């Protein structure tokens, strides 16, 4: 089974994965982690390369690179589906919704693109069609779901993630502008291909881990049934 973890930066994706993995193992499931998205970005050789690359690259080029990396990672999940057993779980940090919304946010807030027809941005519809095409293929060969950590629906919702992010990195004006666009894109974008479990990013990690654990166990065969 493939479990995508979605949500904006600072929503708690990594923390949820770190807690969900041992909880699944404790219930007899085998857990693996999909390769990080940055490993599919040809422009990077390490995760710390992303920030300087993003600061010097037109937003539309970043968007295209993210979408291409996402596509290649989904293709990896498809090609490896036959190697997994009924009780295996693959946790994927940054699901399709997060990546496509990140691409759109980078395009809107990044460096303007050169006057080059080859860099004309795809429309929202084209982005969505590309996501759904690859996800439908994956869903056809393996059970999948998305857990999305959502921010509170109130004017100060961005304060939650900004407070968390400020503890571990510098919040430049450029990054805050991107994050604001990302949150807006995620609130407006919907994908009906994947079963979705919405989670409250403001809730405690124990509550979100338990909420995520129950549906995954419910959709998996017990090890003795595999």
N, C-alpha and C. Protein backbone atom coordinates (compact mmCIF):
# COMPACT_ATOMS: atom_id res chain seq x y z
N UNK A 1 0.84 -1.19 0.00
CA UNK A 1 0.00 0.00 0.00
C UNK A 1 0.88 1.25 0.00
N UNK A 2 0.46 2.26 -0.77
CA UNK A 2 1.17 3.53 -0.83
C UNK A 2 0.41 4.56 -0.01
N UNK A 3 1.11 5.22 0.91
CA UNK A 3 0.50 6.27 1.72
C UNK A 3 1.26 7.56 1.46
N UNK A 4 0.61 8.50 0.78
CA UNK A 4 1.19 9.81 0.54
C UNK A 4 0.89 10.73 1.72
N UNK A 5 1.88 11.49 2.14
CA UNK A 5 1.69 12.46 3.21
C UNK A 5 1.78 13.86 2.60
N UNK A 6 0.66 14.59 2.66
CA UNK A 6 0.57 15.90 2.04
C UNK A 6 0.44 16.99 3.10
N UNK A 7 0.77 18.21 2.69
CA UNK A 7 0.64 19.36 3.58
C UNK A 7 1.72 20.38 3.27
N UNK A 8 1.49 21.64 3.61
CA UNK A 8 2.52 22.67 3.37
C UNK A 8 3.71 22.49 4.30
N UNK A 9 4.78 23.19 4.02
CA UNK A 9 5.96 23.19 4.88
C UNK A 9 5.54 23.54 6.30
N UNK A 10 6.07 22.82 7.27
CA UNK A 10 5.78 23.12 8.66
C UNK A 10 4.49 22.53 9.18
N UNK A 11 3.76 21.79 8.35
CA UNK A 11 2.48 21.22 8.79
C UNK A 11 2.65 19.95 9.62
N UNK A 12 3.85 19.34 9.57
CA UNK A 12 4.11 18.15 10.37
C UNK A 12 4.22 16.86 9.58
N UNK A 13 4.52 16.95 8.29
CA UNK A 13 4.62 15.74 7.46
C UNK A 13 5.70 14.78 7.97
N UNK A 14 6.90 15.31 8.17
CA UNK A 14 8.02 14.45 8.61
C UNK A 14 7.74 13.85 9.99
N UNK A 15 7.17 14.64 10.88
CA UNK A 15 6.86 14.15 12.22
C UNK A 15 5.83 13.03 12.16
N UNK A 16 4.82 13.19 11.32
CA UNK A 16 3.80 12.16 11.17
C UNK A 16 4.42 10.88 10.63
N UNK A 17 5.27 11.01 9.64
CA UNK A 17 5.93 9.82 9.07
C UNK A 17 6.80 9.14 10.12
N UNK A 18 7.55 9.94 10.90
CA UNK A 18 8.43 9.37 11.92
C UNK A 18 7.65 8.61 12.99
N UNK A 19 6.42 9.00 13.25
CA UNK A 19 5.60 8.34 14.26
C UNK A 19 4.73 7.23 13.67
N UNK A 20 4.28 7.42 12.45
CA UNK A 20 3.42 6.42 11.81
C UNK A 20 4.19 5.16 11.47
N UNK A 21 5.44 5.31 11.05
CA UNK A 21 6.23 4.14 10.65
C UNK A 21 6.39 3.12 11.78
N UNK A 22 6.88 3.51 12.96
CA UNK A 22 7.01 2.51 14.03
C UNK A 22 5.67 1.99 14.52
N UNK A 23 4.62 2.80 14.44
CA UNK A 23 3.30 2.32 14.85
C UNK A 23 2.82 1.21 13.93
N UNK A 24 3.09 1.34 12.63
CA UNK A 24 2.72 0.29 11.68
C UNK A 24 3.56 -0.97 11.89
N UNK A 25 4.84 -0.77 12.15
CA UNK A 25 5.72 -1.92 12.41
C UNK A 25 5.25 -2.67 13.65
N UNK A 26 4.83 -1.93 14.67
CA UNK A 26 4.34 -2.57 15.89
C UNK A 26 3.10 -3.42 15.65
N UNK A 27 2.38 -3.12 14.57
CA UNK A 27 1.21 -3.91 14.20
C UNK A 27 1.55 -4.97 13.15
N UNK A 28 2.83 -5.25 12.98
CA UNK A 28 3.24 -6.35 12.11
C UNK A 28 3.37 -6.01 10.65
N UNK A 29 3.34 -4.72 10.31
CA UNK A 29 3.47 -4.33 8.91
C UNK A 29 4.92 -4.00 8.58
N UNK A 30 5.29 -4.18 7.33
CA UNK A 30 6.62 -3.82 6.86
C UNK A 30 6.56 -2.44 6.24
N UNK A 31 7.40 -1.53 6.70
CA UNK A 31 7.35 -0.14 6.25
C UNK A 31 8.64 0.22 5.53
N UNK A 32 8.49 0.84 4.38
CA UNK A 32 9.62 1.43 3.66
C UNK A 32 9.28 2.89 3.34
N UNK A 33 10.30 3.64 2.98
CA UNK A 33 10.11 5.05 2.65
C UNK A 33 10.49 5.26 1.19
N UNK A 34 9.64 5.97 0.46
CA UNK A 34 9.96 6.30 -0.92
C UNK A 34 11.17 7.22 -0.95
N UNK A 35 11.98 7.15 -2.00
CA UNK A 35 13.12 8.07 -2.09
C UNK A 35 12.65 9.52 -2.02
N UNK A 36 13.42 10.38 -1.37
CA UNK A 36 13.03 11.79 -1.27
C UNK A 36 12.87 12.41 -2.66
N UNK A 37 11.98 13.39 -2.75
CA UNK A 37 11.72 14.00 -4.06
C UNK A 37 12.98 14.63 -4.66
N UNK A 38 13.86 15.18 -3.80
CA UNK A 38 15.02 15.87 -4.34
C UNK A 38 15.92 14.93 -5.13
N UNK A 39 15.89 13.62 -4.84
CA UNK A 39 16.74 12.68 -5.58
C UNK A 39 16.30 12.52 -7.03
N UNK A 40 15.10 12.99 -7.34
CA UNK A 40 14.61 12.93 -8.72
C UNK A 40 14.78 14.27 -9.45
N UNK A 41 15.36 15.24 -8.78
CA UNK A 41 15.63 16.54 -9.40
C UNK A 41 17.05 16.52 -9.95
N UNK A 42 17.17 16.53 -11.25
CA UNK A 42 18.48 16.43 -11.88
C UNK A 42 19.40 17.60 -11.50
N UNK A 43 18.78 18.70 -11.09
CA UNK A 43 19.55 19.89 -10.77
C UNK A 43 20.25 19.82 -9.41
N UNK A 44 19.90 18.84 -8.59
CA UNK A 44 20.42 18.78 -7.22
C UNK A 44 21.28 17.55 -7.01
N UNK A 45 22.29 17.71 -6.15
CA UNK A 45 23.09 16.57 -5.72
C UNK A 45 22.94 16.33 -4.22
N UNK A 46 22.28 17.26 -3.53
CA UNK A 46 22.02 17.14 -2.09
C UNK A 46 20.83 18.03 -1.77
N UNK A 47 20.09 17.73 -0.69
CA UNK A 47 18.89 18.53 -0.37
C UNK A 47 19.20 20.00 -0.12
N UNK A 48 20.39 20.28 0.42
CA UNK A 48 20.73 21.68 0.70
C UNK A 48 20.98 22.49 -0.57
N UNK A 49 21.05 21.82 -1.72
CA UNK A 49 21.23 22.54 -2.98
C UNK A 49 19.94 23.21 -3.44
N UNK A 50 18.79 22.82 -2.85
CA UNK A 50 17.52 23.32 -3.37
C UNK A 50 17.39 24.83 -3.18
N UNK A 51 17.69 25.34 -2.01
CA UNK A 51 17.48 26.76 -1.73
C UNK A 51 18.27 27.66 -2.68
N UNK A 52 19.59 27.45 -2.85
CA UNK A 52 20.32 28.31 -3.80
C UNK A 52 19.84 28.15 -5.24
N UNK A 53 19.46 26.92 -5.60
CA UNK A 53 18.92 26.69 -6.95
C UNK A 53 17.63 27.48 -7.15
N UNK A 54 16.74 27.44 -6.15
CA UNK A 54 15.46 28.13 -6.25
C UNK A 54 15.64 29.65 -6.31
N UNK A 55 16.68 30.15 -5.64
CA UNK A 55 16.90 31.60 -5.61
C UNK A 55 17.42 32.14 -6.94
N UNK A 56 17.96 31.28 -7.79
CA UNK A 56 18.60 31.74 -9.03
C UNK A 56 17.94 31.20 -10.29
N UNK A 57 16.82 30.52 -10.16
CA UNK A 57 16.17 29.87 -11.29
C UNK A 57 14.77 30.44 -11.49
N UNK A 58 14.38 30.73 -12.74
CA UNK A 58 13.01 31.21 -12.98
C UNK A 58 11.97 30.26 -12.38
N UNK A 59 10.91 30.83 -11.83
CA UNK A 59 9.90 30.03 -11.16
C UNK A 59 9.28 28.96 -12.02
N UNK A 60 9.08 29.24 -13.31
CA UNK A 60 8.46 28.24 -14.18
C UNK A 60 9.39 27.06 -14.41
N UNK A 61 10.69 27.30 -14.43
CA UNK A 61 11.64 26.19 -14.58
C UNK A 61 11.62 25.30 -13.34
N UNK A 62 11.52 25.93 -12.16
CA UNK A 62 11.39 25.15 -10.93
C UNK A 62 10.12 24.31 -10.96
N UNK A 63 9.02 24.93 -11.39
CA UNK A 63 7.74 24.22 -11.47
C UNK A 63 7.85 23.01 -12.38
N UNK A 64 8.43 23.19 -13.56
CA UNK A 64 8.56 22.07 -14.49
C UNK A 64 9.44 20.97 -13.92
N UNK A 65 10.53 21.36 -13.24
CA UNK A 65 11.43 20.35 -12.66
C UNK A 65 10.73 19.57 -11.56
N UNK A 66 9.95 20.25 -10.71
CA UNK A 66 9.23 19.56 -9.64
C UNK A 66 8.22 18.57 -10.21
N UNK A 67 7.50 18.99 -11.25
CA UNK A 67 6.50 18.10 -11.85
C UNK A 67 7.15 16.89 -12.51
N UNK A 68 8.29 17.12 -13.14
CA UNK A 68 8.99 16.00 -13.76
C UNK A 68 9.53 15.05 -12.69
N UNK A 69 10.06 15.60 -11.59
CA UNK A 69 10.55 14.76 -10.50
C UNK A 69 9.41 13.95 -9.91
N UNK A 70 8.26 14.58 -9.72
CA UNK A 70 7.09 13.89 -9.18
C UNK A 70 6.68 12.74 -10.08
N UNK A 71 6.68 13.00 -11.38
CA UNK A 71 6.31 11.96 -12.35
C UNK A 71 7.25 10.77 -12.26
N UNK A 72 8.55 11.04 -12.17
CA UNK A 72 9.51 9.94 -12.10
C UNK A 72 9.36 9.14 -10.80
N UNK A 73 9.03 9.81 -9.72
CA UNK A 73 8.85 9.08 -8.46
C UNK A 73 7.60 8.20 -8.52
N UNK A 74 6.54 8.70 -9.12
CA UNK A 74 5.34 7.87 -9.27
C UNK A 74 5.64 6.67 -10.17
N UNK A 75 6.41 6.89 -11.22
CA UNK A 75 6.80 5.78 -12.09
C UNK A 75 7.59 4.73 -11.32
N UNK A 76 8.45 5.18 -10.39
CA UNK A 76 9.19 4.22 -9.56
C UNK A 76 8.22 3.41 -8.70
N UNK A 77 7.24 4.06 -8.13
CA UNK A 77 6.24 3.34 -7.32
C UNK A 77 5.48 2.32 -8.16
N UNK A 78 5.20 2.67 -9.41
CA UNK A 78 4.48 1.74 -10.29
C UNK A 78 5.35 0.54 -10.62
N UNK A 79 6.60 0.78 -10.99
CA UNK A 79 7.47 -0.32 -11.41
C UNK A 79 7.84 -1.25 -10.26
N UNK A 80 7.80 -0.74 -9.01
CA UNK A 80 8.16 -1.58 -7.87
C UNK A 80 6.94 -2.20 -7.18
N UNK A 81 5.75 -1.90 -7.68
CA UNK A 81 4.53 -2.39 -7.03
C UNK A 81 4.51 -3.91 -6.91
N UNK A 82 4.99 -4.60 -7.93
CA UNK A 82 4.94 -6.06 -7.92
C UNK A 82 5.86 -6.71 -6.91
N UNK A 83 6.77 -5.94 -6.33
CA UNK A 83 7.71 -6.51 -5.36
C UNK A 83 7.18 -6.46 -3.93
N UNK A 84 6.06 -5.76 -3.73
CA UNK A 84 5.54 -5.58 -2.38
C UNK A 84 4.48 -6.62 -2.04
N UNK A 85 4.45 -6.99 -0.75
CA UNK A 85 3.48 -7.96 -0.26
C UNK A 85 2.24 -7.23 0.25
N UNK A 86 1.21 -8.00 0.58
CA UNK A 86 -0.09 -7.43 0.93
C UNK A 86 -0.01 -6.54 2.17
N UNK A 87 0.92 -6.80 3.08
CA UNK A 87 0.98 -6.01 4.32
C UNK A 87 2.12 -4.99 4.31
N UNK A 88 2.74 -4.76 3.15
CA UNK A 88 3.80 -3.76 3.04
C UNK A 88 3.20 -2.36 2.88
N UNK A 89 3.86 -1.38 3.48
CA UNK A 89 3.44 0.01 3.37
C UNK A 89 4.62 0.86 2.92
N UNK A 90 4.40 1.69 1.93
CA UNK A 90 5.41 2.66 1.50
C UNK A 90 4.91 4.04 1.88
N UNK A 91 5.66 4.75 2.71
CA UNK A 91 5.32 6.11 3.11
C UNK A 91 6.03 7.09 2.18
N UNK A 92 5.27 8.03 1.64
CA UNK A 92 5.80 8.97 0.65
C UNK A 92 5.65 10.39 1.18
N UNK A 93 6.76 11.01 1.52
CA UNK A 93 6.75 12.41 1.98
C UNK A 93 6.53 13.31 0.77
N UNK A 94 5.54 14.19 0.84
CA UNK A 94 5.14 15.09 -0.24
C UNK A 94 4.43 14.30 -1.35
N UNK A 95 3.12 14.21 -1.19
CA UNK A 95 2.30 13.53 -2.18
C UNK A 95 2.07 14.41 -3.40
N UNK A 96 1.30 13.89 -4.37
CA UNK A 96 1.06 14.64 -5.61
C UNK A 96 0.48 16.02 -5.39
N UNK A 97 -0.47 16.16 -4.46
CA UNK A 97 -1.08 17.47 -4.25
C UNK A 97 -0.05 18.48 -3.76
N UNK A 98 0.79 18.08 -2.81
CA UNK A 98 1.80 19.00 -2.30
C UNK A 98 2.76 19.43 -3.39
N UNK A 99 3.18 18.50 -4.23
CA UNK A 99 4.18 18.82 -5.25
C UNK A 99 3.59 19.71 -6.33
N UNK A 100 2.38 19.41 -6.78
CA UNK A 100 1.81 20.24 -7.83
C UNK A 100 1.50 21.64 -7.31
N UNK A 101 1.04 21.75 -6.06
CA UNK A 101 0.77 23.08 -5.49
C UNK A 101 2.07 23.83 -5.24
N UNK A 102 3.12 23.12 -4.88
CA UNK A 102 4.43 23.74 -4.73
C UNK A 102 4.91 24.28 -6.07
N UNK A 103 4.70 23.51 -7.14
CA UNK A 103 5.10 23.96 -8.47
C UNK A 103 4.36 25.24 -8.85
N UNK A 104 3.07 25.27 -8.60
CA UNK A 104 2.28 26.46 -8.92
C UNK A 104 2.73 27.66 -8.09
N UNK A 105 3.03 27.42 -6.81
CA UNK A 105 3.47 28.52 -5.94
C UNK A 105 4.82 29.07 -6.37
N UNK A 106 5.74 28.19 -6.76
CA UNK A 106 7.05 28.65 -7.23
C UNK A 106 6.89 29.48 -8.51
N UNK A 107 6.00 29.03 -9.39
CA UNK A 107 5.80 29.79 -10.62
C UNK A 107 5.25 31.18 -10.33
N UNK A 108 4.34 31.28 -9.36
CA UNK A 108 3.72 32.57 -9.06
C UNK A 108 4.64 33.53 -8.31
N UNK A 109 5.52 32.99 -7.48
CA UNK A 109 6.32 33.86 -6.61
C UNK A 109 7.80 33.89 -6.96
N UNK A 110 8.25 33.04 -7.88
CA UNK A 110 9.67 32.96 -8.20
C UNK A 110 10.12 34.01 -9.19
N UNK A 111 11.34 33.87 -9.65
CA UNK A 111 11.90 34.78 -10.65
C UNK A 111 11.07 34.70 -11.92
N UNK A 112 10.70 35.84 -12.51
CA UNK A 112 9.92 35.79 -13.75
C UNK A 112 10.66 35.03 -14.84
N UNK A 113 9.91 34.34 -15.68
CA UNK A 113 10.54 33.54 -16.72
C UNK A 113 11.03 34.42 -17.87
N UNK A 114 12.06 33.98 -18.55
CA UNK A 114 12.52 34.72 -19.73
C UNK A 114 11.44 34.72 -20.81
N UNK A 115 11.55 35.62 -21.74
CA UNK A 115 10.58 35.68 -22.84
C UNK A 115 10.91 34.58 -23.84
N UNK A 116 10.56 33.35 -23.44
CA UNK A 116 10.88 32.17 -24.23
C UNK A 116 9.63 31.32 -24.33
N UNK A 117 9.10 31.09 -25.54
CA UNK A 117 7.86 30.32 -25.67
C UNK A 117 7.96 28.90 -25.12
N UNK A 118 9.18 28.38 -25.04
CA UNK A 118 9.34 27.02 -24.51
C UNK A 118 9.04 26.96 -23.02
N UNK A 119 9.04 28.12 -22.35
CA UNK A 119 8.83 28.16 -20.91
C UNK A 119 7.44 28.66 -20.53
N UNK A 120 6.51 28.68 -21.47
CA UNK A 120 5.16 29.09 -21.14
C UNK A 120 4.56 28.09 -20.15
N UNK A 121 3.99 28.59 -19.09
CA UNK A 121 3.52 27.68 -18.03
C UNK A 121 2.29 26.89 -18.44
N UNK A 122 2.22 25.61 -18.06
CA UNK A 122 0.98 24.86 -18.25
C UNK A 122 -0.12 25.46 -17.39
N UNK A 123 -1.35 25.29 -17.80
CA UNK A 123 -2.47 25.79 -17.03
C UNK A 123 -2.73 24.89 -15.83
N UNK A 124 -3.58 25.35 -14.91
CA UNK A 124 -3.98 24.53 -13.78
C UNK A 124 -4.55 23.21 -14.25
N UNK A 125 -5.38 23.27 -15.30
CA UNK A 125 -6.00 22.05 -15.82
C UNK A 125 -4.98 21.06 -16.33
N UNK A 126 -3.96 21.56 -17.01
CA UNK A 126 -2.92 20.67 -17.51
C UNK A 126 -2.13 20.04 -16.37
N UNK A 127 -1.84 20.83 -15.34
CA UNK A 127 -1.16 20.30 -14.16
C UNK A 127 -1.98 19.16 -13.56
N UNK A 128 -3.26 19.43 -13.35
CA UNK A 128 -4.12 18.44 -12.71
C UNK A 128 -4.24 17.18 -13.56
N UNK A 129 -4.39 17.34 -14.88
CA UNK A 129 -4.50 16.19 -15.75
C UNK A 129 -3.25 15.31 -15.69
N UNK A 130 -2.09 15.96 -15.59
CA UNK A 130 -0.84 15.21 -15.52
C UNK A 130 -0.75 14.41 -14.22
N UNK A 131 -1.15 15.03 -13.12
CA UNK A 131 -1.15 14.33 -11.84
C UNK A 131 -2.08 13.12 -11.91
N UNK A 132 -3.30 13.35 -12.33
CA UNK A 132 -4.30 12.29 -12.28
C UNK A 132 -3.97 11.14 -13.24
N UNK A 133 -3.36 11.45 -14.36
CA UNK A 133 -2.99 10.39 -15.30
C UNK A 133 -2.04 9.38 -14.66
N UNK A 134 -1.02 9.88 -13.99
CA UNK A 134 -0.04 8.98 -13.37
C UNK A 134 -0.59 8.31 -12.11
N UNK A 135 -1.38 9.04 -11.34
CA UNK A 135 -1.94 8.45 -10.14
C UNK A 135 -2.94 7.36 -10.48
N UNK A 136 -3.75 7.56 -11.52
CA UNK A 136 -4.69 6.51 -11.93
C UNK A 136 -3.96 5.23 -12.28
N UNK A 137 -2.81 5.37 -12.95
CA UNK A 137 -2.02 4.18 -13.28
C UNK A 137 -1.54 3.49 -12.02
N UNK A 138 -1.06 4.28 -11.05
CA UNK A 138 -0.58 3.69 -9.80
C UNK A 138 -1.72 3.03 -9.03
N UNK A 139 -2.86 3.70 -8.94
CA UNK A 139 -4.00 3.15 -8.21
C UNK A 139 -4.48 1.84 -8.83
N UNK A 140 -4.27 1.70 -10.14
CA UNK A 140 -4.70 0.48 -10.82
C UNK A 140 -3.86 -0.73 -10.42
N UNK A 141 -2.64 -0.49 -9.92
CA UNK A 141 -1.77 -1.63 -9.59
C UNK A 141 -1.54 -1.80 -8.09
N UNK A 142 -1.92 -0.78 -7.28
CA UNK A 142 -1.68 -0.89 -5.84
C UNK A 142 -2.62 0.04 -5.08
N UNK A 143 -3.03 -0.40 -3.89
CA UNK A 143 -3.87 0.44 -3.05
C UNK A 143 -3.10 1.69 -2.63
N UNK A 144 -3.78 2.83 -2.66
CA UNK A 144 -3.14 4.10 -2.33
C UNK A 144 -4.09 4.96 -1.51
N UNK A 145 -3.53 5.88 -0.76
CA UNK A 145 -4.32 6.89 -0.09
C UNK A 145 -3.43 8.08 0.23
N UNK A 146 -4.06 9.21 0.51
CA UNK A 146 -3.33 10.42 0.90
C UNK A 146 -3.80 10.87 2.27
N UNK A 147 -2.85 11.23 3.13
CA UNK A 147 -3.15 11.88 4.39
C UNK A 147 -2.69 13.34 4.25
N UNK A 148 -3.62 14.26 4.40
CA UNK A 148 -3.27 15.66 4.23
C UNK A 148 -3.41 16.43 5.53
N UNK A 149 -2.30 17.00 5.96
CA UNK A 149 -2.28 17.83 7.15
C UNK A 149 -2.73 19.23 6.76
N UNK A 150 -3.91 19.61 7.23
CA UNK A 150 -4.52 20.88 6.84
C UNK A 150 -4.41 21.92 7.95
N UNK A 151 -4.23 23.16 7.55
CA UNK A 151 -4.15 24.25 8.51
C UNK A 151 -5.55 24.69 8.93
N UNK A 152 -5.66 25.27 10.12
CA UNK A 152 -6.97 25.77 10.56
C UNK A 152 -7.51 26.81 9.59
N UNK A 153 -8.81 26.80 9.39
CA UNK A 153 -9.43 27.74 8.45
C UNK A 153 -9.73 29.05 9.18
N UNK A 154 -8.69 29.84 9.36
CA UNK A 154 -8.83 31.14 10.03
C UNK A 154 -7.73 32.06 9.54
N UNK A 155 -7.86 33.33 9.82
CA UNK A 155 -6.95 34.31 9.26
C UNK A 155 -5.50 34.10 9.69
N UNK A 156 -5.31 33.53 10.87
CA UNK A 156 -3.95 33.37 11.38
C UNK A 156 -3.39 31.98 11.11
N UNK A 157 -3.97 31.27 10.13
CA UNK A 157 -3.56 29.88 9.93
C UNK A 157 -2.08 29.75 9.58
N UNK A 158 -1.52 30.74 8.89
CA UNK A 158 -0.11 30.66 8.51
C UNK A 158 0.81 30.78 9.71
N UNK A 159 0.34 31.39 10.78
CA UNK A 159 1.17 31.55 11.97
C UNK A 159 1.63 30.20 12.53
N UNK A 160 0.79 29.17 12.38
CA UNK A 160 1.14 27.85 12.90
C UNK A 160 2.41 27.32 12.25
N UNK A 161 2.46 27.33 10.92
CA UNK A 161 3.63 26.78 10.24
C UNK A 161 4.82 27.73 10.34
N UNK A 162 4.58 29.03 10.33
CA UNK A 162 5.69 29.98 10.45
C UNK A 162 6.38 29.82 11.80
N UNK A 163 5.59 29.62 12.86
CA UNK A 163 6.18 29.43 14.18
C UNK A 163 7.04 28.18 14.24
N UNK A 164 6.58 27.11 13.61
CA UNK A 164 7.36 25.87 13.61
C UNK A 164 8.63 26.01 12.78
N UNK A 165 8.48 26.61 11.59
CA UNK A 165 9.63 26.73 10.69
C UNK A 165 10.70 27.66 11.24
N UNK A 166 10.28 28.70 11.96
CA UNK A 166 11.23 29.68 12.49
C UNK A 166 12.19 29.05 13.50
N UNK A 167 11.82 27.92 14.07
CA UNK A 167 12.67 27.26 15.06
C UNK A 167 13.85 26.54 14.40
N UNK A 168 13.76 26.30 13.09
CA UNK A 168 14.83 25.53 12.46
C UNK A 168 15.47 26.18 11.24
N UNK A 169 14.91 27.33 10.78
CA UNK A 169 15.50 27.96 9.61
C UNK A 169 15.13 29.44 9.55
N UNK A 170 15.86 30.18 8.73
CA UNK A 170 15.59 31.59 8.55
C UNK A 170 14.41 31.77 7.61
N UNK A 171 13.47 32.60 8.01
CA UNK A 171 12.29 32.84 7.20
C UNK A 171 12.47 34.14 6.41
N UNK A 172 13.01 34.02 5.23
CA UNK A 172 13.20 35.20 4.38
C UNK A 172 11.86 35.65 3.82
N UNK A 173 11.81 36.90 3.38
CA UNK A 173 10.57 37.42 2.79
C UNK A 173 10.17 36.63 1.55
N UNK A 174 11.16 36.18 0.79
CA UNK A 174 10.88 35.39 -0.41
C UNK A 174 10.24 34.06 -0.05
N UNK A 175 10.77 33.43 1.00
CA UNK A 175 10.23 32.14 1.41
C UNK A 175 8.82 32.29 1.98
N UNK A 176 8.59 33.33 2.76
CA UNK A 176 7.25 33.55 3.32
C UNK A 176 6.25 33.81 2.21
N UNK A 177 6.66 34.55 1.19
CA UNK A 177 5.78 34.81 0.05
C UNK A 177 5.44 33.50 -0.67
N UNK A 178 6.45 32.64 -0.86
CA UNK A 178 6.20 31.34 -1.47
C UNK A 178 5.27 30.50 -0.60
N UNK A 179 5.53 30.47 0.70
CA UNK A 179 4.72 29.65 1.60
C UNK A 179 3.27 30.12 1.62
N UNK A 180 3.06 31.43 1.58
CA UNK A 180 1.71 31.97 1.54
C UNK A 180 0.99 31.50 0.28
N UNK A 181 1.71 31.52 -0.85
CA UNK A 181 1.12 31.05 -2.10
C UNK A 181 0.85 29.55 -2.06
N UNK A 182 1.75 28.79 -1.44
CA UNK A 182 1.56 27.34 -1.33
C UNK A 182 0.32 27.01 -0.53
N UNK A 183 0.15 27.67 0.61
CA UNK A 183 -1.02 27.42 1.45
C UNK A 183 -2.30 27.75 0.69
N UNK A 184 -2.29 28.85 -0.06
CA UNK A 184 -3.47 29.23 -0.84
C UNK A 184 -3.76 28.21 -1.93
N UNK A 185 -2.72 27.73 -2.61
CA UNK A 185 -2.92 26.74 -3.67
C UNK A 185 -3.49 25.44 -3.10
N UNK A 186 -2.98 25.02 -1.94
CA UNK A 186 -3.45 23.76 -1.36
C UNK A 186 -4.89 23.87 -0.89
N UNK A 187 -5.29 25.05 -0.45
CA UNK A 187 -6.66 25.24 -0.02
C UNK A 187 -7.62 25.21 -1.21
N UNK A 188 -7.14 25.63 -2.38
CA UNK A 188 -8.02 25.73 -3.55
C UNK A 188 -8.01 24.47 -4.42
N UNK A 189 -6.94 23.68 -4.32
CA UNK A 189 -6.75 22.54 -5.22
C UNK A 189 -7.34 21.27 -4.63
N UNK A 190 -7.99 20.47 -5.46
CA UNK A 190 -8.51 19.18 -5.00
C UNK A 190 -8.22 18.13 -6.06
N UNK A 191 -7.96 16.92 -5.59
CA UNK A 191 -7.71 15.79 -6.49
C UNK A 191 -8.55 14.62 -6.00
N UNK A 192 -9.46 14.15 -6.85
CA UNK A 192 -10.41 13.13 -6.44
C UNK A 192 -9.93 11.72 -6.73
N UNK A 193 -8.73 11.57 -7.28
CA UNK A 193 -8.26 10.25 -7.68
C UNK A 193 -7.89 9.41 -6.46
N UNK A 194 -7.26 10.03 -5.47
CA UNK A 194 -6.79 9.29 -4.29
C UNK A 194 -7.80 9.37 -3.15
N UNK A 195 -8.03 8.27 -2.43
CA UNK A 195 -8.78 8.37 -1.17
C UNK A 195 -8.04 9.32 -0.23
N UNK A 196 -8.78 10.22 0.39
CA UNK A 196 -8.16 11.27 1.20
C UNK A 196 -8.57 11.17 2.65
N UNK A 197 -7.58 11.28 3.54
CA UNK A 197 -7.83 11.40 4.96
C UNK A 197 -7.33 12.76 5.41
N UNK A 198 -8.22 13.72 5.66
CA UNK A 198 -7.78 15.02 6.15
C UNK A 198 -7.42 14.96 7.63
N UNK A 199 -6.31 15.58 7.99
CA UNK A 199 -5.87 15.64 9.38
C UNK A 199 -5.66 17.10 9.76
N UNK A 200 -5.83 17.40 11.03
CA UNK A 200 -5.67 18.75 11.54
C UNK A 200 -4.21 18.99 11.90
N UNK A 201 -3.55 19.88 11.17
CA UNK A 201 -2.13 20.14 11.42
C UNK A 201 -1.90 20.72 12.81
N UNK A 202 -2.94 21.29 13.41
CA UNK A 202 -2.80 21.87 14.75
C UNK A 202 -3.01 20.85 15.85
N UNK A 203 -3.47 19.65 15.50
CA UNK A 203 -3.71 18.61 16.50
C UNK A 203 -2.38 18.02 16.96
N UNK A 204 -2.40 17.31 18.06
CA UNK A 204 -1.20 16.67 18.57
C UNK A 204 -0.77 15.52 17.69
N UNK A 205 0.52 15.20 17.72
CA UNK A 205 1.03 14.14 16.86
C UNK A 205 0.44 12.79 17.24
N UNK A 206 0.19 12.56 18.52
CA UNK A 206 -0.40 11.29 18.94
C UNK A 206 -1.78 11.10 18.32
N UNK A 207 -2.57 12.16 18.30
CA UNK A 207 -3.92 12.07 17.73
C UNK A 207 -3.85 11.83 16.23
N UNK A 208 -2.96 12.51 15.54
CA UNK A 208 -2.85 12.34 14.09
C UNK A 208 -2.27 10.98 13.72
N UNK A 209 -1.34 10.49 14.52
CA UNK A 209 -0.80 9.16 14.26
C UNK A 209 -1.88 8.10 14.40
N UNK A 210 -2.67 8.19 15.45
CA UNK A 210 -3.75 7.22 15.65
C UNK A 210 -4.80 7.34 14.55
N UNK A 211 -5.12 8.57 14.18
CA UNK A 211 -6.11 8.78 13.11
C UNK A 211 -5.62 8.22 11.78
N UNK A 212 -4.31 8.33 11.52
CA UNK A 212 -3.76 7.80 10.28
C UNK A 212 -3.57 6.29 10.31
N UNK A 213 -3.26 5.76 11.49
CA UNK A 213 -3.00 4.33 11.62
C UNK A 213 -4.24 3.49 11.35
N UNK A 214 -5.37 3.90 11.86
CA UNK A 214 -6.58 3.10 11.77
C UNK A 214 -7.00 2.78 10.35
N UNK A 215 -7.12 3.77 9.44
CA UNK A 215 -7.54 3.42 8.08
C UNK A 215 -6.51 2.61 7.30
N UNK A 216 -5.22 2.82 7.59
CA UNK A 216 -4.22 2.02 6.88
C UNK A 216 -4.31 0.57 7.29
N UNK A 217 -4.40 0.30 8.58
CA UNK A 217 -4.55 -1.08 9.04
C UNK A 217 -5.83 -1.70 8.50
N UNK A 218 -6.88 -0.88 8.41
CA UNK A 218 -8.14 -1.40 7.92
C UNK A 218 -8.12 -1.83 6.48
N UNK A 219 -7.22 -1.23 5.68
CA UNK A 219 -7.15 -1.55 4.26
C UNK A 219 -6.08 -2.59 3.94
N UNK A 220 -5.31 -3.00 4.97
CA UNK A 220 -4.23 -3.96 4.72
C UNK A 220 -4.60 -5.35 5.24
N UNK A 221 -4.16 -6.34 4.50
CA UNK A 221 -4.31 -7.71 5.01
C UNK A 221 -3.35 -7.91 6.16
N UNK A 222 -3.75 -8.69 7.15
CA UNK A 222 -2.85 -9.04 8.25
C UNK A 222 -1.71 -9.88 7.70
N UNK A 223 -0.51 -9.81 8.32
CA UNK A 223 0.61 -10.60 7.84
C UNK A 223 0.28 -12.07 7.68
N UNK A 224 -0.54 -12.61 8.56
CA UNK A 224 -0.86 -14.02 8.47
C UNK A 224 -1.76 -14.34 7.28
N UNK A 225 -2.39 -13.28 6.70
CA UNK A 225 -3.26 -13.48 5.55
C UNK A 225 -2.53 -13.27 4.23
N UNK A 226 -1.29 -12.77 4.28
CA UNK A 226 -0.59 -12.41 3.04
C UNK A 226 -0.24 -13.67 2.26
